[in-house]
Amino acid sequence: MNFSLKEIATISMVLFAVIDVVGSLPVLLDIKSKVGTIHSGKATLVSGGIMIAFLFVGQSILNLIGIDVNSFAIAGSFILFFLALEMILGVKFYKDETPSTASIVPIAFPILAGAGTLTTLLSIRAQYYIENIVVSILINLVFVYAVLKNMYRIERILGPGGINILRKVFGIILLAIAVKLFRSNLGV
């Protein structure tokens, strides 16, 4: 086992920025107002299952279609770059529709375990030990569950300005991560 607190902290911050459950609060609150109830536990478990499954079988899927992890990581850095721009500039490059079932689609997938999260998992798998990534996913799932369970309270505490500031700060962090992923995988 190669557990490293430094790696766990780094990966946890990366996943926290990519999952961006706090920045998604306005979207989550809108979905909750439309459908009534969001099952926090179910959404958390399903998104965690998707993340962990993709962490283990994602590379096999890539190998099956002939794509190496470094190429996928570079492509993922572009997705992270655009996600960061969305967070910083407040523009939407990708528009999704809100279906009537909420806990699984769109909350577990694609809001929590979406393309950015799955790409990030494979990208960081090329750089970090898998056990540290799994621990980081679990840490983030605890946080995701807490946020989903306490959405209205968090919104009241932070207010619209606080949520906006958090979104921008994590956008800048995500932008730096995208540049680092691109640079480190380009030279390989």
N, C-alpha and C. Protein backbone atom coordinates (compact mmCIF):
# COMPACT_ATOMS: atom_id res chain seq x y z
N MET A 1 0.83 -1.19 0.00
CA MET A 1 0.00 0.00 0.00
C MET A 1 0.88 1.25 0.00
N ASN A 2 0.49 2.20 -0.79
CA ASN A 2 1.25 3.43 -0.94
C ASN A 2 0.45 4.65 -0.50
N PHE A 3 -0.11 4.61 0.71
CA PHE A 3 -0.90 5.73 1.19
C PHE A 3 0.00 6.93 1.46
N SER A 4 -0.43 8.07 0.99
CA SER A 4 0.31 9.31 1.19
C SER A 4 -0.69 10.42 1.50
N LEU A 5 -0.54 11.02 2.67
CA LEU A 5 -1.44 12.10 3.04
C LEU A 5 -1.34 13.28 2.09
N LYS A 6 -0.14 13.52 1.58
CA LYS A 6 0.05 14.62 0.64
C LYS A 6 -0.72 14.35 -0.66
N GLU A 7 -0.59 13.11 -1.17
CA GLU A 7 -1.33 12.75 -2.39
C GLU A 7 -2.83 12.80 -2.15
N ILE A 8 -3.29 12.28 -1.02
CA ILE A 8 -4.72 12.29 -0.71
C ILE A 8 -5.24 13.71 -0.65
N ALA A 9 -4.48 14.60 0.00
CA ALA A 9 -4.91 16.00 0.10
C ALA A 9 -4.96 16.65 -1.28
N THR A 10 -3.94 16.40 -2.10
CA THR A 10 -3.90 16.98 -3.45
C THR A 10 -5.06 16.48 -4.29
N ILE A 11 -5.25 15.17 -4.32
CA ILE A 11 -6.32 14.57 -5.13
C ILE A 11 -7.68 15.03 -4.62
N SER A 12 -7.85 15.08 -3.31
CA SER A 12 -9.12 15.53 -2.74
C SER A 12 -9.45 16.94 -3.18
N MET A 13 -8.46 17.82 -3.19
CA MET A 13 -8.69 19.20 -3.63
C MET A 13 -9.04 19.25 -5.12
N VAL A 14 -8.34 18.45 -5.92
CA VAL A 14 -8.64 18.41 -7.35
C VAL A 14 -10.08 17.94 -7.56
N LEU A 15 -10.44 16.84 -6.93
CA LEU A 15 -11.80 16.32 -7.09
C LEU A 15 -12.84 17.29 -6.54
N PHE A 16 -12.52 17.94 -5.42
CA PHE A 16 -13.44 18.92 -4.85
C PHE A 16 -13.71 20.04 -5.84
N ALA A 17 -12.64 20.50 -6.51
CA ALA A 17 -12.81 21.57 -7.49
C ALA A 17 -13.58 21.10 -8.72
N VAL A 18 -13.33 19.87 -9.16
CA VAL A 18 -13.99 19.37 -10.36
C VAL A 18 -15.45 19.02 -10.09
N ILE A 19 -15.72 18.32 -9.01
CA ILE A 19 -17.10 17.96 -8.67
C ILE A 19 -17.90 19.22 -8.40
N ASP A 20 -17.31 20.17 -7.69
CA ASP A 20 -17.87 21.50 -7.46
C ASP A 20 -19.31 21.45 -6.98
N VAL A 21 -19.55 20.67 -5.94
CA VAL A 21 -20.91 20.54 -5.42
C VAL A 21 -21.40 21.86 -4.82
N VAL A 22 -20.50 22.64 -4.23
CA VAL A 22 -20.90 23.94 -3.68
C VAL A 22 -21.24 24.90 -4.82
N GLY A 23 -20.44 24.90 -5.86
CA GLY A 23 -20.72 25.76 -7.02
C GLY A 23 -21.97 25.34 -7.77
N SER A 24 -22.35 24.07 -7.60
CA SER A 24 -23.57 23.57 -8.25
C SER A 24 -24.82 23.81 -7.42
N LEU A 25 -24.67 24.41 -6.26
CA LEU A 25 -25.83 24.65 -5.39
C LEU A 25 -27.00 25.33 -6.10
N PRO A 26 -26.76 26.39 -6.89
CA PRO A 26 -27.91 27.00 -7.56
C PRO A 26 -28.65 26.02 -8.47
N VAL A 27 -27.92 25.18 -9.19
CA VAL A 27 -28.54 24.19 -10.07
C VAL A 27 -29.27 23.14 -9.23
N LEU A 28 -28.64 22.67 -8.16
CA LEU A 28 -29.25 21.66 -7.30
C LEU A 28 -30.52 22.18 -6.65
N LEU A 29 -30.48 23.42 -6.19
CA LEU A 29 -31.67 24.01 -5.57
C LEU A 29 -32.80 24.16 -6.59
N ASP A 30 -32.45 24.51 -7.81
CA ASP A 30 -33.46 24.63 -8.87
C ASP A 30 -34.10 23.27 -9.16
N ILE A 31 -33.28 22.23 -9.25
CA ILE A 31 -33.80 20.88 -9.49
C ILE A 31 -34.70 20.45 -8.34
N LYS A 32 -34.26 20.72 -7.11
CA LYS A 32 -35.07 20.33 -5.94
C LYS A 32 -36.41 21.05 -5.94
N SER A 33 -36.42 22.32 -6.36
CA SER A 33 -37.69 23.04 -6.39
C SER A 33 -38.63 22.48 -7.47
N LYS A 34 -38.07 21.91 -8.53
CA LYS A 34 -38.89 21.36 -9.62
C LYS A 34 -39.42 19.96 -9.31
N VAL A 35 -38.58 19.13 -8.66
CA VAL A 35 -38.97 17.73 -8.46
C VAL A 35 -39.40 17.43 -7.04
N GLY A 36 -39.16 18.33 -6.13
CA GLY A 36 -39.60 18.13 -4.75
C GLY A 36 -38.54 17.55 -3.85
N THR A 37 -38.15 16.30 -4.05
CA THR A 37 -37.21 15.64 -3.14
C THR A 37 -36.00 15.12 -3.89
N ILE A 38 -34.85 15.37 -3.31
CA ILE A 38 -33.61 14.78 -3.81
C ILE A 38 -33.14 13.81 -2.74
N HIS A 39 -32.90 12.57 -3.12
CA HIS A 39 -32.42 11.56 -2.19
C HIS A 39 -30.91 11.66 -2.10
N SER A 40 -30.44 12.35 -1.06
CA SER A 40 -29.01 12.64 -0.90
C SER A 40 -28.16 11.37 -0.88
N GLY A 41 -28.60 10.37 -0.12
CA GLY A 41 -27.84 9.13 -0.01
C GLY A 41 -27.74 8.40 -1.33
N LYS A 42 -28.86 8.29 -2.03
CA LYS A 42 -28.88 7.59 -3.32
C LYS A 42 -28.00 8.31 -4.34
N ALA A 43 -28.11 9.63 -4.43
CA ALA A 43 -27.30 10.40 -5.38
C ALA A 43 -25.81 10.25 -5.07
N THR A 44 -25.47 10.27 -3.77
CA THR A 44 -24.07 10.13 -3.37
C THR A 44 -23.53 8.75 -3.70
N LEU A 45 -24.29 7.70 -3.36
CA LEU A 45 -23.84 6.33 -3.62
C LEU A 45 -23.69 6.04 -5.11
N VAL A 46 -24.66 6.48 -5.90
CA VAL A 46 -24.59 6.23 -7.34
C VAL A 46 -23.41 6.98 -7.96
N SER A 47 -23.23 8.24 -7.59
CA SER A 47 -22.10 8.99 -8.17
C SER A 47 -20.77 8.38 -7.74
N GLY A 48 -20.68 7.92 -6.48
CA GLY A 48 -19.46 7.25 -6.02
C GLY A 48 -19.21 5.95 -6.76
N GLY A 49 -20.27 5.18 -6.98
CA GLY A 49 -20.14 3.94 -7.75
C GLY A 49 -19.65 4.19 -9.16
N ILE A 50 -20.20 5.23 -9.79
CA ILE A 50 -19.77 5.58 -11.15
C ILE A 50 -18.29 5.95 -11.16
N MET A 51 -17.89 6.79 -10.19
CA MET A 51 -16.49 7.25 -10.15
C MET A 51 -15.52 6.08 -9.93
N ILE A 52 -15.83 5.24 -8.96
CA ILE A 52 -14.92 4.13 -8.64
C ILE A 52 -14.90 3.11 -9.78
N ALA A 53 -16.05 2.81 -10.35
CA ALA A 53 -16.08 1.87 -11.49
C ALA A 53 -15.26 2.41 -12.65
N PHE A 54 -15.44 3.70 -12.96
CA PHE A 54 -14.70 4.28 -14.07
C PHE A 54 -13.20 4.34 -13.78
N LEU A 55 -12.85 4.54 -12.52
CA LEU A 55 -11.44 4.55 -12.13
C LEU A 55 -10.78 3.21 -12.46
N PHE A 56 -11.52 2.11 -12.24
CA PHE A 56 -10.94 0.79 -12.46
C PHE A 56 -11.10 0.27 -13.89
N VAL A 57 -12.21 0.54 -14.54
CA VAL A 57 -12.43 0.00 -15.89
C VAL A 57 -12.25 1.02 -17.00
N GLY A 58 -12.10 2.27 -16.64
CA GLY A 58 -11.94 3.32 -17.64
C GLY A 58 -10.73 3.09 -18.54
N GLN A 59 -9.61 2.69 -17.92
CA GLN A 59 -8.40 2.44 -18.71
C GLN A 59 -8.60 1.26 -19.65
N SER A 60 -9.29 0.23 -19.21
CA SER A 60 -9.57 -0.92 -20.08
C SER A 60 -10.41 -0.52 -21.27
N ILE A 61 -11.38 0.35 -21.02
CA ILE A 61 -12.21 0.84 -22.12
C ILE A 61 -11.36 1.62 -23.11
N LEU A 62 -10.45 2.45 -22.58
CA LEU A 62 -9.56 3.21 -23.47
C LEU A 62 -8.66 2.28 -24.27
N ASN A 63 -8.11 1.27 -23.61
CA ASN A 63 -7.25 0.31 -24.32
C ASN A 63 -8.02 -0.41 -25.41
N LEU A 64 -9.27 -0.72 -25.12
CA LEU A 64 -10.11 -1.41 -26.10
C LEU A 64 -10.28 -0.57 -27.37
N ILE A 65 -10.39 0.73 -27.20
CA ILE A 65 -10.55 1.58 -28.38
C ILE A 65 -9.24 2.21 -28.86
N GLY A 66 -8.12 1.82 -28.21
CA GLY A 66 -6.81 2.22 -28.70
C GLY A 66 -6.34 3.62 -28.31
N ILE A 67 -6.74 4.09 -27.15
CA ILE A 67 -6.31 5.42 -26.69
C ILE A 67 -5.48 5.25 -25.43
N ASP A 68 -4.30 5.88 -25.38
CA ASP A 68 -3.47 5.78 -24.18
C ASP A 68 -3.92 6.82 -23.15
N VAL A 69 -3.54 6.56 -21.88
CA VAL A 69 -3.98 7.41 -20.77
C VAL A 69 -3.46 8.83 -20.92
N ASN A 70 -2.25 9.01 -21.45
CA ASN A 70 -1.70 10.36 -21.60
C ASN A 70 -2.51 11.18 -22.59
N SER A 71 -2.94 10.57 -23.69
CA SER A 71 -3.79 11.28 -24.65
C SER A 71 -5.12 11.63 -24.02
N PHE A 72 -5.67 10.69 -23.26
CA PHE A 72 -6.93 10.95 -22.57
C PHE A 72 -6.76 12.07 -21.54
N ALA A 73 -5.60 12.08 -20.86
CA ALA A 73 -5.34 13.12 -19.87
C ALA A 73 -5.24 14.49 -20.53
N ILE A 74 -4.61 14.55 -21.70
CA ILE A 74 -4.53 15.83 -22.43
C ILE A 74 -5.92 16.27 -22.86
N ALA A 75 -6.71 15.34 -23.39
CA ALA A 75 -8.09 15.68 -23.75
C ALA A 75 -8.86 16.13 -22.50
N GLY A 76 -8.63 15.44 -21.40
CA GLY A 76 -9.27 15.82 -20.15
C GLY A 76 -8.85 17.18 -19.67
N SER A 77 -7.60 17.55 -19.92
CA SER A 77 -7.15 18.88 -19.51
C SER A 77 -7.91 19.97 -20.26
N PHE A 78 -8.29 19.69 -21.51
CA PHE A 78 -9.11 20.66 -22.25
C PHE A 78 -10.50 20.79 -21.63
N ILE A 79 -11.09 19.65 -21.23
CA ILE A 79 -12.41 19.69 -20.59
C ILE A 79 -12.32 20.47 -19.29
N LEU A 80 -11.29 20.18 -18.49
CA LEU A 80 -11.12 20.91 -17.23
C LEU A 80 -10.91 22.40 -17.48
N PHE A 81 -10.18 22.72 -18.54
CA PHE A 81 -9.94 24.11 -18.91
C PHE A 81 -11.27 24.82 -19.18
N PHE A 82 -12.14 24.18 -19.96
CA PHE A 82 -13.43 24.80 -20.27
C PHE A 82 -14.35 24.85 -19.05
N LEU A 83 -14.31 23.81 -18.20
CA LEU A 83 -15.08 23.86 -16.96
C LEU A 83 -14.62 25.03 -16.09
N ALA A 84 -13.30 25.22 -16.03
CA ALA A 84 -12.75 26.33 -15.25
C ALA A 84 -13.21 27.67 -15.82
N LEU A 85 -13.19 27.78 -17.14
CA LEU A 85 -13.66 29.03 -17.76
C LEU A 85 -15.13 29.29 -17.45
N GLU A 86 -15.94 28.22 -17.46
CA GLU A 86 -17.35 28.37 -17.09
C GLU A 86 -17.47 28.91 -15.67
N MET A 87 -16.67 28.36 -14.77
CA MET A 87 -16.75 28.77 -13.37
C MET A 87 -16.26 30.21 -13.18
N ILE A 88 -15.19 30.57 -13.86
CA ILE A 88 -14.59 31.90 -13.68
C ILE A 88 -15.40 32.98 -14.39
N LEU A 89 -15.78 32.72 -15.63
CA LEU A 89 -16.45 33.74 -16.44
C LEU A 89 -17.96 33.73 -16.31
N GLY A 90 -18.51 32.64 -15.78
CA GLY A 90 -19.96 32.56 -15.62
C GLY A 90 -20.71 32.33 -16.92
N VAL A 91 -20.03 31.75 -17.91
CA VAL A 91 -20.69 31.42 -19.18
C VAL A 91 -20.85 29.91 -19.26
N LYS A 92 -21.79 29.45 -20.05
CA LYS A 92 -22.02 28.02 -20.23
C LYS A 92 -21.59 27.60 -21.62
N PHE A 93 -20.64 26.65 -21.68
CA PHE A 93 -20.25 26.09 -22.96
C PHE A 93 -21.08 24.86 -23.27
N TYR A 94 -21.58 24.22 -22.21
CA TYR A 94 -22.38 23.01 -22.36
C TYR A 94 -23.71 23.25 -21.68
N LYS A 95 -24.77 23.05 -22.39
CA LYS A 95 -26.10 23.22 -21.82
C LYS A 95 -26.76 21.85 -21.73
N ASP A 96 -27.30 21.55 -20.54
CA ASP A 96 -28.00 20.29 -20.37
C ASP A 96 -29.43 20.53 -19.98
N GLU A 97 -30.25 19.53 -20.19
CA GLU A 97 -31.66 19.64 -19.87
C GLU A 97 -31.93 18.94 -18.55
N THR A 98 -32.93 19.39 -17.83
CA THR A 98 -33.26 18.81 -16.54
C THR A 98 -34.44 17.85 -16.69
N PRO A 99 -34.18 16.55 -16.58
CA PRO A 99 -35.29 15.59 -16.65
C PRO A 99 -36.08 15.56 -15.35
N SER A 100 -37.17 14.82 -15.35
CA SER A 100 -38.04 14.80 -14.18
C SER A 100 -37.51 13.94 -13.03
N THR A 101 -36.64 12.97 -13.30
CA THR A 101 -36.05 12.19 -12.21
C THR A 101 -34.73 12.82 -11.84
N ALA A 102 -34.53 13.08 -10.56
CA ALA A 102 -33.41 13.93 -10.21
C ALA A 102 -32.27 13.27 -9.46
N SER A 103 -32.53 12.35 -8.56
CA SER A 103 -31.45 11.84 -7.71
C SER A 103 -30.35 11.14 -8.51
N ILE A 104 -30.73 10.39 -9.54
CA ILE A 104 -29.73 9.70 -10.35
C ILE A 104 -29.33 10.59 -11.52
N VAL A 105 -30.29 10.96 -12.35
CA VAL A 105 -30.02 11.82 -13.49
C VAL A 105 -30.84 13.08 -13.27
N PRO A 106 -30.29 14.24 -13.23
CA PRO A 106 -28.94 14.66 -13.57
C PRO A 106 -28.00 14.84 -12.39
N ILE A 107 -28.42 14.54 -11.14
CA ILE A 107 -27.54 14.86 -10.01
C ILE A 107 -26.35 13.92 -9.93
N ALA A 108 -26.57 12.60 -9.76
CA ALA A 108 -25.44 11.66 -9.67
C ALA A 108 -24.62 11.69 -10.96
N PHE A 109 -25.33 11.68 -12.08
CA PHE A 109 -24.68 11.78 -13.38
C PHE A 109 -25.55 12.67 -14.25
N PRO A 110 -25.08 13.74 -14.79
CA PRO A 110 -23.70 14.18 -14.96
C PRO A 110 -23.22 15.28 -14.02
N ILE A 111 -24.04 15.76 -13.05
CA ILE A 111 -23.57 16.88 -12.23
C ILE A 111 -22.40 16.47 -11.34
N LEU A 112 -22.55 15.38 -10.57
CA LEU A 112 -21.48 14.98 -9.66
C LEU A 112 -20.42 14.13 -10.34
N ALA A 113 -20.82 13.09 -11.03
CA ALA A 113 -19.88 12.20 -11.71
C ALA A 113 -20.02 12.41 -13.21
N GLY A 114 -19.72 13.59 -13.66
CA GLY A 114 -19.85 13.92 -15.08
C GLY A 114 -18.55 13.73 -15.84
N ALA A 115 -18.54 14.23 -17.03
CA ALA A 115 -17.38 14.07 -17.91
C ALA A 115 -16.11 14.64 -17.29
N GLY A 116 -16.23 15.79 -16.66
CA GLY A 116 -15.05 16.41 -16.05
C GLY A 116 -14.49 15.55 -14.93
N THR A 117 -15.35 15.01 -14.09
CA THR A 117 -14.92 14.16 -12.98
C THR A 117 -14.29 12.87 -13.49
N LEU A 118 -14.93 12.23 -14.45
CA LEU A 118 -14.41 10.96 -14.97
C LEU A 118 -13.10 11.16 -15.71
N THR A 119 -13.00 12.23 -16.47
CA THR A 119 -11.76 12.54 -17.15
C THR A 119 -10.65 12.80 -16.14
N THR A 120 -10.98 13.54 -15.10
CA THR A 120 -10.00 13.85 -14.07
C THR A 120 -9.51 12.58 -13.39
N LEU A 121 -10.42 11.66 -13.11
CA LEU A 121 -10.02 10.41 -12.45
C LEU A 121 -9.00 9.65 -13.28
N LEU A 122 -9.25 9.53 -14.57
CA LEU A 122 -8.27 8.82 -15.42
C LEU A 122 -6.99 9.62 -15.56
N SER A 123 -7.10 10.92 -15.60
CA SER A 123 -5.91 11.76 -15.74
C SER A 123 -5.03 11.64 -14.50
N ILE A 124 -5.63 11.72 -13.33
CA ILE A 124 -4.82 11.64 -12.11
C ILE A 124 -4.35 10.21 -11.84
N ARG A 125 -5.04 9.25 -12.43
CA ARG A 125 -4.60 7.86 -12.27
C ARG A 125 -3.22 7.67 -12.90
N ALA A 126 -2.92 8.47 -13.90
CA ALA A 126 -1.62 8.38 -14.55
C ALA A 126 -0.51 8.95 -13.66
N GLN A 127 -0.88 9.70 -12.60
CA GLN A 127 0.12 10.35 -11.77
C GLN A 127 0.15 9.89 -10.32
N TYR A 128 -0.94 9.34 -9.80
CA TYR A 128 -1.04 9.02 -8.37
C TYR A 128 -1.40 7.56 -8.15
N TYR A 129 -1.13 7.08 -6.93
CA TYR A 129 -1.48 5.72 -6.57
C TYR A 129 -2.99 5.57 -6.43
N ILE A 130 -3.50 4.44 -6.88
CA ILE A 130 -4.95 4.22 -6.94
C ILE A 130 -5.60 4.23 -5.56
N GLU A 131 -4.90 3.72 -4.54
CA GLU A 131 -5.50 3.71 -3.20
C GLU A 131 -5.71 5.13 -2.67
N ASN A 132 -4.81 6.04 -3.02
CA ASN A 132 -4.97 7.44 -2.61
C ASN A 132 -6.14 8.10 -3.35
N ILE A 133 -6.35 7.69 -4.59
CA ILE A 133 -7.47 8.23 -5.37
C ILE A 133 -8.80 7.73 -4.77
N VAL A 134 -8.87 6.45 -4.40
CA VAL A 134 -10.10 5.90 -3.82
C VAL A 134 -10.42 6.60 -2.50
N VAL A 135 -9.41 6.79 -1.65
CA VAL A 135 -9.63 7.50 -0.38
C VAL A 135 -10.12 8.92 -0.66
N SER A 136 -9.55 9.58 -1.65
CA SER A 136 -9.96 10.94 -1.99
C SER A 136 -11.39 10.99 -2.50
N ILE A 137 -11.77 9.98 -3.28
CA ILE A 137 -13.17 9.90 -3.75
C ILE A 137 -14.10 9.77 -2.54
N LEU A 138 -13.75 8.90 -1.61
CA LEU A 138 -14.59 8.68 -0.42
C LEU A 138 -14.69 9.96 0.42
N ILE A 139 -13.60 10.67 0.58
CA ILE A 139 -13.62 11.94 1.31
C ILE A 139 -14.57 12.92 0.62
N ASN A 140 -14.48 13.00 -0.68
CA ASN A 140 -15.36 13.91 -1.42
C ASN A 140 -16.81 13.48 -1.35
N LEU A 141 -17.07 12.17 -1.34
CA LEU A 141 -18.45 11.70 -1.24
C LEU A 141 -19.08 12.07 0.10
N VAL A 142 -18.29 12.03 1.16
CA VAL A 142 -18.80 12.48 2.47
C VAL A 142 -19.20 13.96 2.38
N PHE A 143 -18.35 14.75 1.76
CA PHE A 143 -18.64 16.18 1.61
C PHE A 143 -19.86 16.39 0.72
N VAL A 144 -19.94 15.65 -0.38
CA VAL A 144 -21.08 15.75 -1.30
C VAL A 144 -22.38 15.44 -0.56
N TYR A 145 -22.37 14.36 0.22
CA TYR A 145 -23.56 13.98 0.97
C TYR A 145 -23.98 15.09 1.94
N ALA A 146 -23.00 15.63 2.65
CA ALA A 146 -23.29 16.70 3.61
C ALA A 146 -23.89 17.92 2.91
N VAL A 147 -23.35 18.27 1.75
CA VAL A 147 -23.87 19.43 1.02
C VAL A 147 -25.28 19.15 0.51
N LEU A 148 -25.49 17.97 -0.07
CA LEU A 148 -26.83 17.64 -0.57
C LEU A 148 -27.86 17.62 0.56
N LYS A 149 -27.46 17.12 1.71
CA LYS A 149 -28.37 17.03 2.84
C LYS A 149 -28.70 18.41 3.42
N ASN A 150 -27.78 19.36 3.29
CA ASN A 150 -27.94 20.68 3.91
C ASN A 150 -27.94 21.81 2.90
N MET A 151 -28.50 21.59 1.71
CA MET A 151 -28.45 22.59 0.64
C MET A 151 -29.02 23.94 1.04
N TYR A 152 -30.20 23.94 1.60
CA TYR A 152 -30.85 25.22 1.91
C TYR A 152 -30.10 25.97 3.01
N ARG A 153 -29.61 25.25 3.99
CA ARG A 153 -28.85 25.88 5.08
C ARG A 153 -27.56 26.52 4.54
N ILE A 154 -26.84 25.82 3.67
CA ILE A 154 -25.60 26.34 3.10
C ILE A 154 -25.89 27.57 2.24
N GLU A 155 -26.94 27.51 1.45
CA GLU A 155 -27.30 28.66 0.62
C GLU A 155 -27.60 29.88 1.49
N ARG A 156 -28.28 29.65 2.59
CA ARG A 156 -28.62 30.76 3.49
C ARG A 156 -27.37 31.34 4.12
N ILE A 157 -26.42 30.49 4.52
CA ILE A 157 -25.19 30.95 5.17
C ILE A 157 -24.30 31.71 4.19
N LEU A 158 -24.06 31.12 3.02
CA LEU A 158 -23.14 31.74 2.05
C LEU A 158 -23.77 32.90 1.30
N GLY A 159 -25.02 32.77 0.99
CA GLY A 159 -25.68 33.79 0.17
C GLY A 159 -25.20 33.69 -1.27
N PRO A 160 -25.86 34.40 -2.18
CA PRO A 160 -25.47 34.33 -3.59
C PRO A 160 -24.04 34.80 -3.85
N GLY A 161 -23.62 35.83 -3.13
CA GLY A 161 -22.26 36.34 -3.32
C GLY A 161 -21.21 35.36 -2.88
N GLY A 162 -21.44 34.69 -1.74
CA GLY A 162 -20.48 33.71 -1.24
C GLY A 162 -20.35 32.51 -2.16
N ILE A 163 -21.46 32.05 -2.68
CA ILE A 163 -21.43 30.93 -3.62
C ILE A 163 -20.68 31.33 -4.88
N ASN A 164 -20.90 32.54 -5.35
CA ASN A 164 -20.23 33.04 -6.55
C ASN A 164 -18.71 33.14 -6.33
N ILE A 165 -18.30 33.63 -5.17
CA ILE A 165 -16.87 33.74 -4.86
C ILE A 165 -16.23 32.35 -4.82
N LEU A 166 -16.88 31.40 -4.15
CA LEU A 166 -16.35 30.03 -4.11
C LEU A 166 -16.20 29.44 -5.50
N ARG A 167 -17.19 29.67 -6.32
CA ARG A 167 -17.16 29.16 -7.69
C ARG A 167 -15.97 29.72 -8.46
N LYS A 168 -15.69 30.99 -8.31
CA LYS A 168 -14.58 31.63 -9.02
C LYS A 168 -13.22 31.14 -8.50
N VAL A 169 -13.11 31.03 -7.17
CA VAL A 169 -11.84 30.56 -6.58
C VAL A 169 -11.54 29.14 -7.05
N PHE A 170 -12.53 28.25 -7.01
CA PHE A 170 -12.28 26.88 -7.45
C PHE A 170 -12.11 26.82 -8.97
N GLY A 171 -12.66 27.76 -9.69
CA GLY A 171 -12.42 27.85 -11.13
C GLY A 171 -10.96 28.14 -11.44
N ILE A 172 -10.37 29.04 -10.69
CA ILE A 172 -8.95 29.37 -10.89
C ILE A 172 -8.07 28.18 -10.54
N ILE A 173 -8.39 27.50 -9.43
CA ILE A 173 -7.64 26.30 -9.05
C ILE A 173 -7.75 25.24 -10.15
N LEU A 174 -8.94 25.06 -10.66
CA LEU A 174 -9.17 24.07 -11.72
C LEU A 174 -8.42 24.43 -12.99
N LEU A 175 -8.34 25.71 -13.32
CA LEU A 175 -7.60 26.17 -14.49
C LEU A 175 -6.11 25.83 -14.34
N ALA A 176 -5.56 26.06 -13.15
CA ALA A 176 -4.15 25.72 -12.91
C ALA A 176 -3.93 24.21 -13.01
N ILE A 177 -4.87 23.42 -12.52
CA ILE A 177 -4.77 21.96 -12.62
C ILE A 177 -4.80 21.53 -14.08
N ALA A 178 -5.66 22.15 -14.87
CA ALA A 178 -5.76 21.81 -16.30
C ALA A 178 -4.44 22.08 -17.01
N VAL A 179 -3.82 23.20 -16.71
CA VAL A 179 -2.53 23.55 -17.33
C VAL A 179 -1.46 22.54 -16.91
N LYS A 180 -1.45 22.18 -15.62
CA LYS A 180 -0.47 21.21 -15.12
C LYS A 180 -0.66 19.85 -15.79
N LEU A 181 -1.92 19.38 -15.89
CA LEU A 181 -2.19 18.10 -16.54
C LEU A 181 -1.74 18.10 -18.00
N PHE A 182 -2.03 19.18 -18.69
CA PHE A 182 -1.63 19.29 -20.09
C PHE A 182 -0.12 19.23 -20.22
N ARG A 183 0.57 20.04 -19.43
CA ARG A 183 2.02 20.13 -19.50
C ARG A 183 2.70 18.81 -19.15
N SER A 184 2.22 18.17 -18.06
CA SER A 184 2.89 16.93 -17.61
C SER A 184 2.64 15.75 -18.54
N ASN A 185 1.52 15.73 -19.25
CA ASN A 185 1.23 14.61 -20.14
C ASN A 185 1.69 14.85 -21.57
N LEU A 186 1.97 16.09 -21.90
CA LEU A 186 2.43 16.42 -23.25
C LEU A 186 3.85 15.91 -23.49
N GLY A 187 4.68 16.00 -22.45
CA GLY A 187 6.08 15.61 -22.60
C GLY A 187 6.33 14.13 -22.52
N VAL A 188 5.31 13.33 -22.19
CA VAL A 188 5.50 11.89 -21.99
C VAL A 188 5.49 11.16 -23.32
